[in-house]
Amino acid sequence: MLADFAVSGFAPRTQRWNRLSEYAGKRVRVLGMADSLEGVMAGVDEMGALLIEVDGQGVTRVVDSNVSVRLS
């Protein structure tokens, strides 16, 4: 599995991750960045970034690997 990941990256796993995510479509708060972020979890992209639909601001990509996602 790790050898495959080294070759193909996260992209082939994106659809499955989004389908199985417990938080998909739910309101969340992302903590651990300089500022917290609230919105609806839209999934992850092909690079593995979290996608958060922020009210009135569109989709924000979260690329920090040291965050905590909580239901809000």
C-alpha atoms as a PDB file:
ATOM      1  CA  MET A   1       0.000   0.000   0.000  1.00  0.00           C
ATOM      2  CA  LEU A   2       2.759   2.485   0.879  1.00  0.00           C
ATOM      3  CA  ALA A   3       4.646   1.666  -2.313  1.00  0.00           C
ATOM      4  CA  ASP A   4       1.469   2.384  -4.306  1.00  0.00           C
ATOM      5  CA  PHE A   5       0.984   5.650  -2.418  1.00  0.00           C
ATOM      6  CA  ALA A   6       4.560   6.669  -3.206  1.00  0.00           C
ATOM      7  CA  VAL A   7       3.834   6.238  -6.912  1.00  0.00           C
ATOM      8  CA  SER A   8       0.258   7.511  -7.242  1.00  0.00           C
ATOM      9  CA  GLY A   9      -0.174   9.821  -4.234  1.00  0.00           C
ATOM     10  CA  PHE A  10      -3.521  10.540  -2.590  1.00  0.00           C
ATOM     11  CA  ALA A  11      -5.565  11.219  -5.747  1.00  0.00           C
ATOM     12  CA  PRO A  12      -6.786   7.619  -6.320  1.00  0.00           C
ATOM     13  CA  ARG A  13      -8.074   7.522  -2.727  1.00  0.00           C
ATOM     14  CA  THR A  14      -9.968  10.835  -2.791  1.00  0.00           C
ATOM     15  CA  GLN A  15     -13.339   9.493  -3.890  1.00  0.00           C
ATOM     16  CA  ARG A  16     -13.310   6.660  -1.331  1.00  0.00           C
ATOM     17  CA  TRP A  17     -12.210   8.967   1.495  1.00  0.00           C
ATOM     18  CA  ASN A  18     -15.003  11.424   0.686  1.00  0.00           C
ATOM     19  CA  ARG A  19     -17.575   8.619   0.529  1.00  0.00           C
ATOM     20  CA  LEU A  20     -16.532   7.169   3.904  1.00  0.00           C
ATOM     21  CA  SER A  21     -15.950  10.427   5.793  1.00  0.00           C
ATOM     22  CA  GLU A  22     -18.093  10.667   8.906  1.00  0.00           C
ATOM     23  CA  TYR A  23     -18.009  14.479   8.739  1.00  0.00           C
ATOM     24  CA  ALA A  24     -18.921  14.916   5.047  1.00  0.00           C
ATOM     25  CA  GLY A  25     -21.726  17.456   4.681  1.00  0.00           C
ATOM     26  CA  LYS A  26     -21.717  18.285   8.405  1.00  0.00           C
ATOM     27  CA  ARG A  27     -20.928  21.557  10.105  1.00  0.00           C
ATOM     28  CA  VAL A  28     -17.398  21.493  11.549  1.00  0.00           C
ATOM     29  CA  ARG A  29     -14.842  23.667  13.285  1.00  0.00           C
ATOM     30  CA  VAL A  30     -11.184  23.326  12.285  1.00  0.00           C
ATOM     31  CA  LEU A  31      -8.783  24.139  15.144  1.00  0.00           C
ATOM     32  CA  GLY A  32      -5.018  24.385  15.385  1.00  0.00           C
ATOM     33  CA  MET A  33      -4.323  27.015  12.756  1.00  0.00           C
ATOM     34  CA  ALA A  34      -3.640  30.671  13.550  1.00  0.00           C
ATOM     35  CA  ASP A  35      -7.411  31.200  13.353  1.00  0.00           C
ATOM     36  CA  SER A  36     -10.176  28.637  13.741  1.00  0.00           C
ATOM     37  CA  LEU A  37     -12.424  28.006  10.760  1.00  0.00           C
ATOM     38  CA  GLU A  38     -16.102  27.038  10.727  1.00  0.00           C
ATOM     39  CA  GLY A  39     -18.154  25.694   7.878  1.00  0.00           C
ATOM     40  CA  VAL A  40     -19.464  22.551   6.218  1.00  0.00           C
ATOM     41  CA  MET A  41     -17.021  19.737   5.488  1.00  0.00           C
ATOM     42  CA  ALA A  42     -16.953  19.423   1.700  1.00  0.00           C
ATOM     43  CA  GLY A  43     -14.400  16.584   1.696  1.00  0.00           C
ATOM     44  CA  VAL A  44     -10.787  16.432   0.579  1.00  0.00           C
ATOM     45  CA  ASP A  45      -9.182  17.183  -2.764  1.00  0.00           C
ATOM     46  CA  GLU A  46      -6.720  15.128  -4.816  1.00  0.00           C
ATOM     47  CA  MET A  47      -3.807  16.522  -2.802  1.00  0.00           C
ATOM     48  CA  GLY A  48      -5.418  15.559   0.525  1.00  0.00           C
ATOM     49  CA  ALA A  49      -6.338  19.111   1.574  1.00  0.00           C
ATOM     50  CA  LEU A  50      -9.500  19.473   3.649  1.00  0.00           C
ATOM     51  CA  LEU A  51     -12.240  21.363   1.832  1.00  0.00           C
ATOM     52  CA  ILE A  52     -14.436  23.507   4.068  1.00  0.00           C
ATOM     53  CA  GLU A  53     -17.417  25.421   2.669  1.00  0.00           C
ATOM     54  CA  VAL A  54     -17.266  28.645   4.684  1.00  0.00           C
ATOM     55  CA  ASP A  55     -20.492  30.655   4.904  1.00  0.00           C
ATOM     56  CA  GLY A  56     -20.425  33.441   2.335  1.00  0.00           C
ATOM     57  CA  GLN A  57     -16.794  32.797   1.367  1.00  0.00           C
ATOM     58  CA  GLY A  58     -16.884  29.660  -0.780  1.00  0.00           C
ATOM     59  CA  VAL A  59     -14.608  26.658  -0.329  1.00  0.00           C
ATOM     60  CA  THR A  60     -11.410  27.026   1.693  1.00  0.00           C
ATOM     61  CA  ARG A  61      -8.572  24.509   1.358  1.00  0.00           C
ATOM     62  CA  VAL A  62      -6.895  23.545   4.640  1.00  0.00           C
ATOM     63  CA  VAL A  63      -3.407  22.185   3.996  1.00  0.00           C
ATOM     64  CA  ASP A  64      -1.996  22.346   7.529  1.00  0.00           C
ATOM     65  CA  SER A  65      -1.285  18.826   8.762  1.00  0.00           C
ATOM     66  CA  ASN A  66      -1.583  19.780  12.424  1.00  0.00           C
ATOM     67  CA  VAL A  67      -5.282  20.562  12.800  1.00  0.00           C
ATOM     68  CA  SER A  68      -8.223  19.083  14.662  1.00  0.00           C
ATOM     69  CA  VAL A  69     -11.670  18.813  13.085  1.00  0.00           C
ATOM     70  CA  ARG A  70     -14.686  18.869  15.421  1.00  0.00           C
ATOM     71  CA  LEU A  71     -18.405  18.852  14.806  1.00  0.00           C
ATOM     72  CA  SER A  72     -19.863  22.247  15.643  1.00  0.00           C
END
